[in-house]
PDB file of N, CA and C in Angstrom:
ATOM      1  N   MET A   1     104.921  79.059 263.794  1.00  0.00           N
ATOM      2  CA  MET A   1     105.494  80.210 263.093  1.00  0.00           C
ATOM      3  C   MET A   1     105.613  81.321 263.127  1.00  0.00           C
ATOM      4  N   THR A   2     105.963  82.408 262.560  1.00  0.00           N
ATOM      5  CA  THR A   2     106.038  84.122 263.449  1.00  0.00           C
ATOM      6  C   THR A   2     104.783  84.561 262.588  1.00  0.00           C
ATOM      7  N   ILE A   3     104.566  85.281 263.457  1.00  0.00           N
ATOM      8  CA  ILE A   3     103.787  86.595 263.068  1.00  0.00           C
ATOM      9  C   ILE A   3     103.932  87.513 262.405  1.00  0.00           C
ATOM     10  N   VAL A   4     103.567  87.787 261.337  1.00  0.00           N
ATOM     11  CA  VAL A   4     103.961  88.930 260.170  1.00  0.00           C
ATOM     12  C   VAL A   4     102.576  89.884 260.689  1.00  0.00           C
ATOM     13  N   SER A   5     102.701  91.259 261.129  1.00  0.00           N
ATOM     14  CA  SER A   5     101.987  92.076 261.392  1.00  0.00           C
ATOM     15  C   SER A   5     101.648  92.644 260.739  1.00  0.00           C
ATOM     16  N   ALA A   6     100.529  92.940 260.042  1.00  0.00           N
ATOM     17  CA  ALA A   6      99.787  93.795 259.270  1.00  0.00           C
ATOM     18  C   ALA A   6     100.587  94.767 258.740  1.00  0.00           C
ATOM     19  N   GLN A   7     100.868  95.463 259.534  1.00  0.00           N
ATOM     20  CA  GLN A   7     102.114  96.603 259.476  1.00  0.00           C
ATOM     21  C   GLN A   7     103.070  96.347 258.835  1.00  0.00           C
ATOM     22  N   ARG A   8     103.631  95.144 258.414  1.00  0.00           N
ATOM     23  CA  ARG A   8     104.878  94.579 257.950  1.00  0.00           C
ATOM     24  C   ARG A   8     104.387  93.543 257.011  1.00  0.00           C
ATOM     25  N   ARG A   9     103.328  92.917 257.156  1.00  0.00           N
ATOM     26  CA  ARG A   9     103.519  92.403 255.283  1.00  0.00           C
ATOM     27  C   ARG A   9     104.010  93.235 254.160  1.00  0.00           C
ATOM     28  N   GLY A  10     103.642  93.917 254.040  1.00  0.00           N
ATOM     29  CA  GLY A  10     103.925  94.881 253.319  1.00  0.00           C
ATOM     30  C   GLY A  10     105.936  94.817 252.415  1.00  0.00           C
ATOM     31  N   ASN A  11     106.270  94.989 253.642  1.00  0.00           N
ATOM     32  CA  ASN A  11     107.699  94.500 254.069  1.00  0.00           C
ATOM     33  C   ASN A  11     108.018  93.518 252.991  1.00  0.00           C
ATOM     34  N   PHE A  12     107.385  92.387 253.929  1.00  0.00           N
ATOM     35  CA  PHE A  12     107.896  91.045 253.603  1.00  0.00           C
ATOM     36  C   PHE A  12     107.400  90.493 252.032  1.00  0.00           C
ATOM     37  N   LEU A  13     106.062  91.090 251.717  1.00  0.00           N
ATOM     38  CA  LEU A  13     106.127  90.895 250.281  1.00  0.00           C
ATOM     39  C   LEU A  13     107.333  91.369 249.099  1.00  0.00           C
ATOM     40  N   GLY A  14     107.500  92.508 250.158  1.00  0.00           N
ATOM     41  CA  GLY A  14     108.575  92.972 248.716  1.00  0.00           C
ATOM     42  C   GLY A  14     109.893  92.845 248.990  1.00  0.00           C
ATOM     43  N   LEU A  15     110.453  91.843 250.243  1.00  0.00           N
ATOM     44  CA  LEU A  15     111.531  91.396 250.527  1.00  0.00           C
ATOM     45  C   LEU A  15     111.645  89.899 249.113  1.00  0.00           C
ATOM     46  N   VAL A  16     110.591  89.217 249.275  1.00  0.00           N
ATOM     47  CA  VAL A  16     110.031  87.984 248.641  1.00  0.00           C
ATOM     48  C   VAL A  16     110.254  88.548 246.459  1.00  0.00           C
ATOM     49  N   ASP A  17     109.313  89.484 246.209  1.00  0.00           N
ATOM     50  CA  ASP A  17     109.197  89.972 244.977  1.00  0.00           C
ATOM     51  C   ASP A  17     110.563  90.289 244.471  1.00  0.00           C
ATOM     52  N   ARG A  18     111.280  91.168 245.721  1.00  0.00           N
ATOM     53  CA  ARG A  18     113.220  91.100 244.710  1.00  0.00           C
ATOM     54  C   ARG A  18     113.829  90.010 244.612  1.00  0.00           C
ATOM     55  N   TYR A  19     113.792  89.056 245.745  1.00  0.00           N
ATOM     56  CA  TYR A  19     114.195  87.769 245.676  1.00  0.00           C
ATOM     57  C   TYR A  19     114.104  87.030 244.483  1.00  0.00           C
ATOM     58  N   TRP A  20     112.538  86.780 244.454  1.00  0.00           N
ATOM     59  CA  TRP A  20     112.259  86.403 242.686  1.00  0.00           C
ATOM     60  C   TRP A  20     112.567  86.787 241.138  1.00  0.00           C
ATOM     61  N   ARG A  21     112.848  88.179 241.790  1.00  0.00           N
ATOM     62  CA  ARG A  21     112.986  88.955 240.229  1.00  0.00           C
ATOM     63  C   ARG A  21     114.305  88.803 240.039  1.00  0.00           C
ATOM     64  N   LYS A  22     114.983  88.204 240.760  1.00  0.00           N
ATOM     65  CA  LYS A  22     116.669  88.766 240.873  1.00  0.00           C
ATOM     66  C   LYS A  22     117.204  87.478 240.197  1.00  0.00           C
ATOM     67  N   SER A  23     116.198  86.502 240.780  1.00  0.00           N
ATOM     68  CA  SER A  23     116.176  85.078 240.847  1.00  0.00           C
ATOM     69  C   SER A  23     116.163  84.583 239.598  1.00  0.00           C
ATOM     70  N   GLY A  24     115.269  85.492 238.370  1.00  0.00           N
ATOM     71  CA  GLY A  24     114.786  85.622 236.918  1.00  0.00           C
ATOM     72  C   GLY A  24     113.251  84.739 236.912  1.00  0.00           C
ATOM     73  N   TYR A  25     112.595  84.812 238.514  1.00  0.00           N
ATOM     74  CA  TYR A  25     111.150  84.120 238.425  1.00  0.00           C
ATOM     75  C   TYR A  25     110.226  85.773 237.258  1.00  0.00           C
ATOM     76  N   ARG A  26     109.410  84.743 237.165  1.00  0.00           N
ATOM     77  CA  ARG A  26     108.652  86.163 235.691  1.00  0.00           C
ATOM     78  C   ARG A  26     107.103  85.994 236.606  1.00  0.00           C
ATOM     79  N   LEU A  27     106.975  87.089 237.355  1.00  0.00           N
ATOM     80  CA  LEU A  27     105.925  87.481 237.759  1.00  0.00           C
ATOM     81  C   LEU A  27     104.711  87.360 236.971  1.00  0.00           C
ATOM     82  N   ARG A  28     103.561  86.650 238.024  1.00  0.00           N
ATOM     83  CA  ARG A  28     102.305  86.144 236.860  1.00  0.00           C
ATOM     84  C   ARG A  28     101.577  87.547 237.057  1.00  0.00           C
ATOM     85  N   GLU A  29     101.191  87.565 238.932  1.00  0.00           N
ATOM     86  CA  GLU A  29     100.248  88.219 239.378  1.00  0.00           C
ATOM     87  C   GLU A  29     100.853  88.689 240.574  1.00  0.00           C
ATOM     88  N   ILE A  30     100.005  89.823 241.310  1.00  0.00           N
ATOM     89  CA  ILE A  30     100.112  90.337 242.630  1.00  0.00           C
ATOM     90  C   ILE A  30      98.875  90.842 242.843  1.00  0.00           C
ATOM     91  N   ASN A  31      98.283  90.239 243.826  1.00  0.00           N
ATOM     92  CA  ASN A  31      96.758  90.701 244.366  1.00  0.00           C
ATOM     93  C   ASN A  31      97.183  91.384 245.824  1.00  0.00           C
ATOM     94  N   ALA A  32      97.193  92.719 245.698  1.00  0.00           N
ATOM     95  CA  ALA A  32      97.398  94.171 246.677  1.00  0.00           C
ATOM     96  C   ALA A  32      96.397  94.003 247.633  1.00  0.00           C
ATOM     97  N   HIS A  33      95.220  92.770 247.761  1.00  0.00           N
ATOM     98  CA  HIS A  33      94.342  93.165 248.835  1.00  0.00           C
ATOM     99  C   HIS A  33      95.021  93.588 250.471  1.00  0.00           C
ATOM    100  N   ALA A  34      94.567  94.394 250.721  1.00  0.00           N
ATOM    101  CA  ALA A  34      94.890  94.565 252.342  1.00  0.00           C
ATOM    102  C   ALA A  34      94.910  93.731 253.233  1.00  0.00           C
ATOM    103  N   ASP A  35      94.341  93.197 253.423  1.00  0.00           N
ATOM    104  CA  ASP A  35      94.006  91.883 254.230  1.00  0.00           C
ATOM    105  C   ASP A  35      94.429  90.378 254.107  1.00  0.00           C
ATOM    106  N   ALA A  36      94.576  90.212 252.413  1.00  0.00           N
ATOM    107  CA  ALA A  36      94.911  89.150 252.064  1.00  0.00           C
ATOM    108  C   ALA A  36      96.334  88.968 250.411  1.00  0.00           C
ATOM    109  N   PRO A  37      97.241  89.715 250.950  1.00  0.00           N
ATOM    110  CA  PRO A  37      97.969  90.151 249.846  1.00  0.00           C
ATOM    111  C   PRO A  37      98.245  88.486 248.840  1.00  0.00           C
ATOM    112  N   ALA A  38      98.672  88.544 247.774  1.00  0.00           N
ATOM    113  CA  ALA A  38      99.176  87.530 247.177  1.00  0.00           C
ATOM    114  C   ALA A  38     100.142  87.384 246.168  1.00  0.00           C
ATOM    115  N   MET A  39     101.200  86.952 245.870  1.00  0.00           N
ATOM    116  CA  MET A  39     101.909  87.024 244.857  1.00  0.00           C
ATOM    117  C   MET A  39     102.176  85.744 243.756  1.00  0.00           C
ATOM    118  N   TYR A  40     101.852  85.653 242.934  1.00  0.00           N
ATOM    119  CA  TYR A  40     102.490  84.166 241.606  1.00  0.00           C
ATOM    120  C   TYR A  40     103.242  84.470 240.905  1.00  0.00           C
ATOM    121  N   ALA A  41     104.651  83.545 240.829  1.00  0.00           N
ATOM    122  CA  ALA A  41     105.709  84.018 239.509  1.00  0.00           C
ATOM    123  C   ALA A  41     105.414  82.416 239.124  1.00  0.00           C
ATOM    124  N   GLU A  42     106.508  82.551 238.097  1.00  0.00           N
ATOM    125  CA  GLU A  42     107.205  81.503 237.589  1.00  0.00           C
ATOM    126  C   GLU A  42     108.689  81.615 237.064  1.00  0.00           C
ATOM    127  N   THR A  43     108.729  80.220 237.696  1.00  0.00           N
ATOM    128  CA  THR A  43     110.443  80.074 237.509  1.00  0.00           C
ATOM    129  C   THR A  43     110.461  79.538 236.021  1.00  0.00           C
ATOM    130  N   LYS A  44     112.262  79.544 236.001  1.00  0.00           N
ATOM    131  CA  LYS A  44     112.627  79.569 234.218  1.00  0.00           C
ATOM    132  C   LYS A  44     112.209  77.849 234.045  1.00  0.00           C
ATOM    133  N   ASP A  45     112.088  76.808 234.845  1.00  0.00           N
ATOM    134  CA  ASP A  45     111.582  75.613 234.165  1.00  0.00           C
ATOM    135  C   ASP A  45     110.315  75.705 234.633  1.00  0.00           C
ATOM    136  N   GLY A  46     109.152  76.562 234.293  1.00  0.00           N
ATOM    137  CA  GLY A  46     107.999  75.772 234.682  1.00  0.00           C
ATOM    138  C   GLY A  46     107.128  75.808 236.038  1.00  0.00           C
ATOM    139  N   PHE A  47     107.818  76.092 237.261  1.00  0.00           N
ATOM    140  CA  PHE A  47     107.307  75.828 238.330  1.00  0.00           C
ATOM    141  C   PHE A  47     106.772  77.089 239.145  1.00  0.00           C
ATOM    142  N   VAL A  48     105.515  76.885 239.145  1.00  0.00           N
ATOM    143  CA  VAL A  48     104.496  78.210 239.630  1.00  0.00           C
ATOM    144  C   VAL A  48     104.774  78.082 241.100  1.00  0.00           C
ATOM    145  N   VAL A  49     105.380  79.399 241.536  1.00  0.00           N
ATOM    146  CA  VAL A  49     105.717  79.898 243.292  1.00  0.00           C
ATOM    147  C   VAL A  49     104.395  80.359 243.182  1.00  0.00           C
ATOM    148  N   SER A  50     103.780  80.792 244.990  1.00  0.00           N
ATOM    149  CA  SER A  50     103.303  81.189 245.522  1.00  0.00           C
ATOM    150  C   SER A  50     103.549  81.752 247.032  1.00  0.00           C
ATOM    151  N   LEU A  51     102.865  82.973 246.790  1.00  0.00           N
ATOM    152  CA  LEU A  51     103.367  83.452 248.328  1.00  0.00           C
ATOM    153  C   LEU A  51     101.579  83.952 249.266  1.00  0.00           C
ATOM    154  N   ILE A  52     100.967  83.378 249.472  1.00  0.00           N
ATOM    155  CA  ILE A  52      99.689  84.213 250.186  1.00  0.00           C
ATOM    156  C   ILE A  52      99.697  84.443 251.523  1.00  0.00           C
ATOM    157  N   VAL A  53      99.262  85.470 252.414  1.00  0.00           N
ATOM    158  CA  VAL A  53      98.914  85.987 253.346  1.00  0.00           C
ATOM    159  C   VAL A  53      97.516  85.760 253.425  1.00  0.00           C
ATOM    160  N   ALA A  54      97.167  85.289 254.640  1.00  0.00           N
ATOM    161  CA  ALA A  54      95.939  84.425 254.593  1.00  0.00           C
ATOM    162  C   ALA A  54      94.946  84.517 255.939  1.00  0.00           C
ATOM    163  N   ASP A  55      94.645  84.182 256.599  1.00  0.00           N
ATOM    164  CA  ASP A  55      93.787  84.815 258.306  1.00  0.00           C
ATOM    165  C   ASP A  55      94.595  84.702 258.804  1.00  0.00           C
ATOM    166  N   LYS A  56      94.781  86.093 260.021  1.00  0.00           N
ATOM    167  CA  LYS A  56      95.615  86.384 260.756  1.00  0.00           C
ATOM    168  C   LYS A  56      97.726  86.661 260.721  1.00  0.00           C
ATOM    169  N   GLY A  57      97.576  86.394 259.427  1.00  0.00           N
ATOM    170  CA  GLY A  57      98.585  87.283 258.709  1.00  0.00           C
ATOM    171  C   GLY A  57      99.563  85.580 258.696  1.00  0.00           C
ATOM    172  N   GLN A  58      98.690  84.361 258.113  1.00  0.00           N
ATOM    173  CA  GLN A  58      99.381  83.152 258.399  1.00  0.00           C
ATOM    174  C   GLN A  58     100.392  83.463 256.837  1.00  0.00           C
ATOM    175  N   VAL A  59     101.358  82.814 256.463  1.00  0.00           N
ATOM    176  CA  VAL A  59     101.920  83.033 255.158  1.00  0.00           C
ATOM    177  C   VAL A  59     102.457  82.072 254.841  1.00  0.00           C
ATOM    178  N   HIS A  60     101.735  80.933 253.653  1.00  0.00           N
ATOM    179  CA  HIS A  60     102.111  80.205 252.825  1.00  0.00           C
ATOM    180  C   HIS A  60     102.604  80.464 251.827  1.00  0.00           C
ATOM    181  N   PHE A  61     103.615  79.582 251.584  1.00  0.00           N
ATOM    182  CA  PHE A  61     104.499  79.508 249.984  1.00  0.00           C
ATOM    183  C   PHE A  61     103.549  77.779 249.689  1.00  0.00           C
ATOM    184  N   ASP A  62     103.870  77.819 248.317  1.00  0.00           N
ATOM    185  CA  ASP A  62     103.191  76.792 247.432  1.00  0.00           C
ATOM    186  C   ASP A  62     103.768  77.023 246.291  1.00  0.00           C
ATOM    187  N   VAL A  63     104.171  75.919 245.749  1.00  0.00           N
ATOM    188  CA  VAL A  63     104.820  75.263 244.556  1.00  0.00           C
ATOM    189  C   VAL A  63     103.925  74.116 243.612  1.00  0.00           C
ATOM    190  N   ASP A  64     103.808  74.510 242.296  1.00  0.00           N
ATOM    191  CA  ASP A  64     103.378  73.589 241.745  1.00  0.00           C
ATOM    192  C   ASP A  64     104.184  73.409 240.261  1.00  0.00           C
ATOM    193  N   SER A  65     104.151  72.133 240.369  1.00  0.00           N
ATOM    194  CA  SER A  65     105.408  71.599 239.278  1.00  0.00           C
ATOM    195  C   SER A  65     104.501  71.446 237.872  1.00  0.00           C
ATOM    196  N   PRO A  66     105.249  71.426 236.682  1.00  0.00           N
ATOM    197  CA  PRO A  66     105.156  71.442 235.893  1.00  0.00           C
ATOM    198  C   PRO A  66     104.550  70.502 235.626  1.00  0.00           C
ATOM    199  N   CYS A  67     103.881  69.612 234.176  1.00  0.00           N
ATOM    200  CA  CYS A  67     103.618  68.416 234.288  1.00  0.00           C
ATOM    201  C   CYS A  67     104.325  67.466 234.332  1.00  0.00           C
ATOM    202  N   VAL A  68     103.912  66.261 234.990  1.00  0.00           N
ATOM    203  CA  VAL A  68     105.124  65.534 235.382  1.00  0.00           C
ATOM    204  C   VAL A  68     104.003  63.592 234.911  1.00  0.00           C
ATOM    205  N   GLN A  69     105.031  62.774 234.951  1.00  0.00           N
ATOM    206  CA  GLN A  69     104.061  61.723 234.485  1.00  0.00           C
ATOM    207  C   GLN A  69     104.327  60.970 235.392  1.00  0.00           C
ATOM    208  N   ALA A  70     102.569  60.264 235.807  1.00  0.00           N
ATOM    209  CA  ALA A  70     102.215  59.688 237.170  1.00  0.00           C
ATOM    210  C   ALA A  70     102.796  58.561 237.496  1.00  0.00           C
ATOM    211  N   SER A  71     103.128  58.420 238.774  1.00  0.00           N
ATOM    212  CA  SER A  71     103.826  57.403 239.261  1.00  0.00           C
ATOM    213  C   SER A  71     103.001  56.670 240.482  1.00  0.00           C
ATOM    214  N   GLU A  72     102.705  55.589 240.791  1.00  0.00           N
ATOM    215  CA  GLU A  72     102.645  54.975 242.069  1.00  0.00           C
ATOM    216  C   GLU A  72     103.529  55.206 242.916  1.00  0.00           C
ATOM    217  N   VAL A  73     103.083  55.736 244.191  1.00  0.00           N
ATOM    218  CA  VAL A  73     103.705  56.075 245.518  1.00  0.00           C
ATOM    219  C   VAL A  73     103.337  55.052 246.312  1.00  0.00           C
ATOM    220  N   ALA A  74     104.124  54.581 247.150  1.00  0.00           N
ATOM    221  CA  ALA A  74     104.369  53.590 248.465  1.00  0.00           C
ATOM    222  C   ALA A  74     103.520  53.794 249.809  1.00  0.00           C
ATOM    223  N   ASP A  75     102.771  53.759 249.764  1.00  0.00           N
ATOM    224  CA  ASP A  75     102.372  53.739 251.421  1.00  0.00           C
ATOM    225  C   ASP A  75     103.610  53.805 252.447  1.00  0.00           C
ATOM    226  N   PRO A  76     103.004  54.880 253.335  1.00  0.00           N
ATOM    227  CA  PRO A  76     104.497  54.835 254.483  1.00  0.00           C
ATOM    228  C   PRO A  76     104.338  53.805 255.133  1.00  0.00           C
ATOM    229  N   VAL A  77     105.778  53.474 255.622  1.00  0.00           N
ATOM    230  CA  VAL A  77     106.053  52.205 256.045  1.00  0.00           C
ATOM    231  C   VAL A  77     105.795  52.049 257.573  1.00  0.00           C
ATOM    232  N   SER A  78     105.797  53.669 258.256  1.00  0.00           N
ATOM    233  CA  SER A  78     106.129  53.677 259.912  1.00  0.00           C
ATOM    234  C   SER A  78     104.630  54.720 260.050  1.00  0.00           C
ATOM    235  N   GLN A  79     104.446  55.027 261.465  1.00  0.00           N
ATOM    236  CA  GLN A  79     103.474  55.178 261.669  1.00  0.00           C
ATOM    237  C   GLN A  79     104.147  56.686 262.237  1.00  0.00           C
ATOM    238  N   ALA A  80     103.204  57.782 262.175  1.00  0.00           N
ATOM    239  CA  ALA A  80     103.711  59.820 262.635  1.00  0.00           C
ATOM    240  C   ALA A  80     104.271  59.418 263.566  1.00  0.00           C
ATOM    241  N   THR A  81     104.947  60.234 264.131  1.00  0.00           N
ATOM    242  CA  THR A  81     105.388  60.078 265.353  1.00  0.00           C
ATOM    243  C   THR A  81     105.422  61.391 266.704  1.00  0.00           C
ATOM    244  N   ALA A  82     104.337  62.261 265.455  1.00  0.00           N
ATOM    245  CA  ALA A  82     103.786  63.731 266.227  1.00  0.00           C
ATOM    246  C   ALA A  82     102.667  63.069 266.224  1.00  0.00           C
ATOM    247  N   PRO A  83     101.596  63.275 266.515  1.00  0.00           N
ATOM    248  CA  PRO A  83     100.474  62.919 266.538  1.00  0.00           C
ATOM    249  C   PRO A  83      99.903  64.376 266.688  1.00  0.00           C
ATOM    250  N   LEU A  84      99.038  64.821 266.190  1.00  0.00           N
ATOM    251  CA  LEU A  84      98.044  65.887 266.094  1.00  0.00           C
ATOM    252  C   LEU A  84      97.690  66.119 267.892  1.00  0.00           C
ATOM    253  N   ASP A  85      97.672  67.247 268.394  1.00  0.00           N
ATOM    254  CA  ASP A  85      96.776  67.747 269.548  1.00  0.00           C
ATOM    255  C   ASP A  85      95.327  67.343 269.096  1.00  0.00           C
ATOM    256  N   PRO A  86      94.250  67.011 270.160  1.00  0.00           N
ATOM    257  CA  PRO A  86      92.993  66.591 269.518  1.00  0.00           C
ATOM    258  C   PRO A  86      92.219  67.949 269.453  1.00  0.00           C
ATOM    259  N   GLU A  87      92.837  68.290 270.529  1.00  0.00           N
ATOM    260  CA  GLU A  87      92.594  70.151 271.269  1.00  0.00           C
ATOM    261  C   GLU A  87      92.911  71.253 270.074  1.00  0.00           C
ATOM    262  N   ALA A  88      93.953  70.760 268.876  1.00  0.00           N
ATOM    263  CA  ALA A  88      94.431  71.911 268.627  1.00  0.00           C
ATOM    264  C   ALA A  88      93.463  72.575 267.139  1.00  0.00           C
ATOM    265  N   GLU A  89      93.515  73.450 267.024  1.00  0.00           N
ATOM    266  CA  GLU A  89      92.775  74.396 266.084  1.00  0.00           C
ATOM    267  C   GLU A  89      93.051  73.992 264.726  1.00  0.00           C
ATOM    268  N   PHE A  90      91.988  73.718 263.857  1.00  0.00           N
ATOM    269  CA  PHE A  90      92.251  72.894 262.351  1.00  0.00           C
ATOM    270  C   PHE A  90      93.099  74.048 261.685  1.00  0.00           C
ATOM    271  N   ILE A  91      92.951  75.164 261.850  1.00  0.00           N
ATOM    272  CA  ILE A  91      94.114  75.807 261.178  1.00  0.00           C
ATOM    273  C   ILE A  91      95.074  76.492 262.213  1.00  0.00           C
ATOM    274  N   PRO A  92      96.680  75.989 262.099  1.00  0.00           N
ATOM    275  CA  PRO A  92      97.682  76.088 262.787  1.00  0.00           C
ATOM    276  C   PRO A  92      97.343  77.961 262.622  1.00  0.00           C
ATOM    277  N   ARG A  93      98.054  79.143 263.948  1.00  0.00           N
ATOM    278  CA  ARG A  93      97.881  80.476 263.480  1.00  0.00           C
ATOM    279  C   ARG A  93      98.758  80.013 264.332  1.00  0.00           C
ATOM    280  N   PRO A  94      99.969  81.634 263.350  1.00  0.00           N
ATOM    281  CA  PRO A  94     101.251  81.575 263.568  1.00  0.00           C
ATOM    282  C   PRO A  94     101.081  82.363 265.044  1.00  0.00           C
ATOM    283  N   ASN A  95     102.646  81.917 265.865  1.00  0.00           N
ATOM    284  CA  ASN A  95     102.242  81.894 267.709  1.00  0.00           C
ATOM    285  C   ASN A  95     103.710  82.421 268.084  1.00  0.00           C
ATOM    286  N   ILE A  96     104.796  82.589 267.384  1.00  0.00           N
ATOM    287  CA  ILE A  96     106.473  83.072 267.316  1.00  0.00           C
ATOM    288  C   ILE A  96     106.187  85.045 267.384  1.00  0.00           C
ATOM    289  N   HIS A  97     106.755  85.367 268.162  1.00  0.00           N
ATOM    290  CA  HIS A  97     106.229  87.040 268.368  1.00  0.00           C
ATOM    291  C   HIS A  97     108.209  87.583 267.356  1.00  0.00           C
ATOM    292  N   SER A  98     108.377  87.962 266.747  1.00  0.00           N
ATOM    293  CA  SER A  98     109.559  88.692 266.452  1.00  0.00           C
ATOM    294  C   SER A  98     109.417  89.878 266.244  1.00  0.00           C
ATOM    295  N   ASP A  99     111.005  90.588 267.107  1.00  0.00           N
ATOM    296  CA  ASP A  99     110.633  92.192 267.092  1.00  0.00           C
ATOM    297  C   ASP A  99     110.561  92.626 266.127  1.00  0.00           C
ATOM    298  N   PHE A 100     110.612  92.690 265.140  1.00  0.00           N
ATOM    299  CA  PHE A 100     110.510  93.126 263.852  1.00  0.00           C
ATOM    300  C   PHE A 100     109.320  93.063 263.158  1.00  0.00           C
ATOM    301  N   TRP A 101     109.396  91.215 262.518  1.00  0.00           N
ATOM    302  CA  TRP A 101     108.117  90.659 261.791  1.00  0.00           C
ATOM    303  C   TRP A 101     106.827  91.003 262.622  1.00  0.00           C
ATOM    304  N   SER A 102     106.630  90.975 263.619  1.00  0.00           N
ATOM    305  CA  SER A 102     105.534  91.218 264.524  1.00  0.00           C
ATOM    306  C   SER A 102     105.193  92.173 264.968  1.00  0.00           C
ATOM    307  N   ALA A 103     105.915  93.369 264.339  1.00  0.00           N
ATOM    308  CA  ALA A 103     105.965  94.806 265.039  1.00  0.00           C
ATOM    309  C   ALA A 103     104.830  95.621 264.471  1.00  0.00           C
ATOM    310  N   GLU A 104     104.021  96.047 265.136  1.00  0.00           N
ATOM    311  CA  GLU A 104     102.724  96.889 264.600  1.00  0.00           C
ATOM    312  C   GLU A 104     102.792  98.043 264.975  1.00  0.00           C
ATOM    313  N   THR A 105     104.073  98.607 264.065  1.00  0.00           N
ATOM    314  CA  THR A 105     104.363  99.698 263.445  1.00  0.00           C
ATOM    315  C   THR A 105     105.268  99.604 262.135  1.00  0.00           C
ATOM    316  N   PRO A 106     104.666 100.867 261.286  1.00  0.00           N
ATOM    317  CA  PRO A 106     104.985 100.753 260.190  1.00  0.00           C
ATOM    318  C   PRO A 106     107.044 100.636 260.206  1.00  0.00           C
ATOM    319  N   GLU A 107     107.615  99.934 259.531  1.00  0.00           N
ATOM    320  CA  GLU A 107     109.081  99.911 259.645  1.00  0.00           C
ATOM    321  C   GLU A 107     109.551 101.229 259.195  1.00  0.00           C
ATOM    322  N   ALA A 108     110.640 101.515 259.717  1.00  0.00           N
ATOM    323  CA  ALA A 108     111.247 102.830 259.772  1.00  0.00           C
ATOM    324  C   ALA A 108     112.744 102.937 258.592  1.00  0.00           C
ATOM    325  N   ALA A 109     112.174 104.012 258.164  1.00  0.00           N
ATOM    326  CA  ALA A 109     113.416 103.961 256.442  1.00  0.00           C
ATOM    327  C   ALA A 109     114.746 103.809 257.584  1.00  0.00           C
ATOM    328  N   GLY A 110     115.160 102.524 256.219  1.00  0.00           N
ATOM    329  CA  GLY A 110     116.514 101.945 256.436  1.00  0.00           C
ATOM    330  C   GLY A 110     116.895 101.059 257.108  1.00  0.00           C
ATOM    331  N   VAL A 111     115.635 100.422 257.883  1.00  0.00           N
ATOM    332  CA  VAL A 111     115.761  99.077 258.720  1.00  0.00           C
ATOM    333  C   VAL A 111     115.554  97.902 257.904  1.00  0.00           C
ATOM    334  N   THR A 112     116.560  97.360 257.869  1.00  0.00           N
ATOM    335  CA  THR A 112     116.163  95.655 257.714  1.00  0.00           C
ATOM    336  C   THR A 112     115.997  94.427 258.887  1.00  0.00           C
ATOM    337  N   PRO A 113     115.321  93.785 258.675  1.00  0.00           N
ATOM    338  CA  PRO A 113     115.133  92.692 259.618  1.00  0.00           C
ATOM    339  C   PRO A 113     116.617  92.247 259.901  1.00  0.00           C
ATOM    340  N   GLY A 114     116.401  92.345 261.366  1.00  0.00           N
ATOM    341  CA  GLY A 114     117.718  91.717 262.010  1.00  0.00           C
ATOM    342  C   GLY A 114     118.800  92.097 261.754  1.00  0.00           C
ATOM    343  N   SER A 115     118.639  93.854 261.654  1.00  0.00           N
ATOM    344  CA  SER A 115     119.904  94.758 262.006  1.00  0.00           C
ATOM    345  C   SER A 115     119.843  95.016 263.392  1.00  0.00           C
TER     346      SER A 115
END
């Protein structure tokens, strides 16, 4: 996961906000908490999408579907191919540095990711 520094989280949420609005999503709620900001929106077909920034800048995207009819789901037919490291943290932490998103300085005016 990419490290999104506290100084760049507002930029990240702003990009997602603009994309969601351009896509016709209706914003339901914005939580501007300094340490744990979040946004919630609803698509035209009733899906609820959320972006939540958790501990140490871990970014989560979640999608809740509108009501669907319950159905049976078959058990997996094969074993997992990538076992979890027994010494791994319970909650994975961001560990990939990005020159833009991980920077600990505010974004300069007119600078965009990848430029």
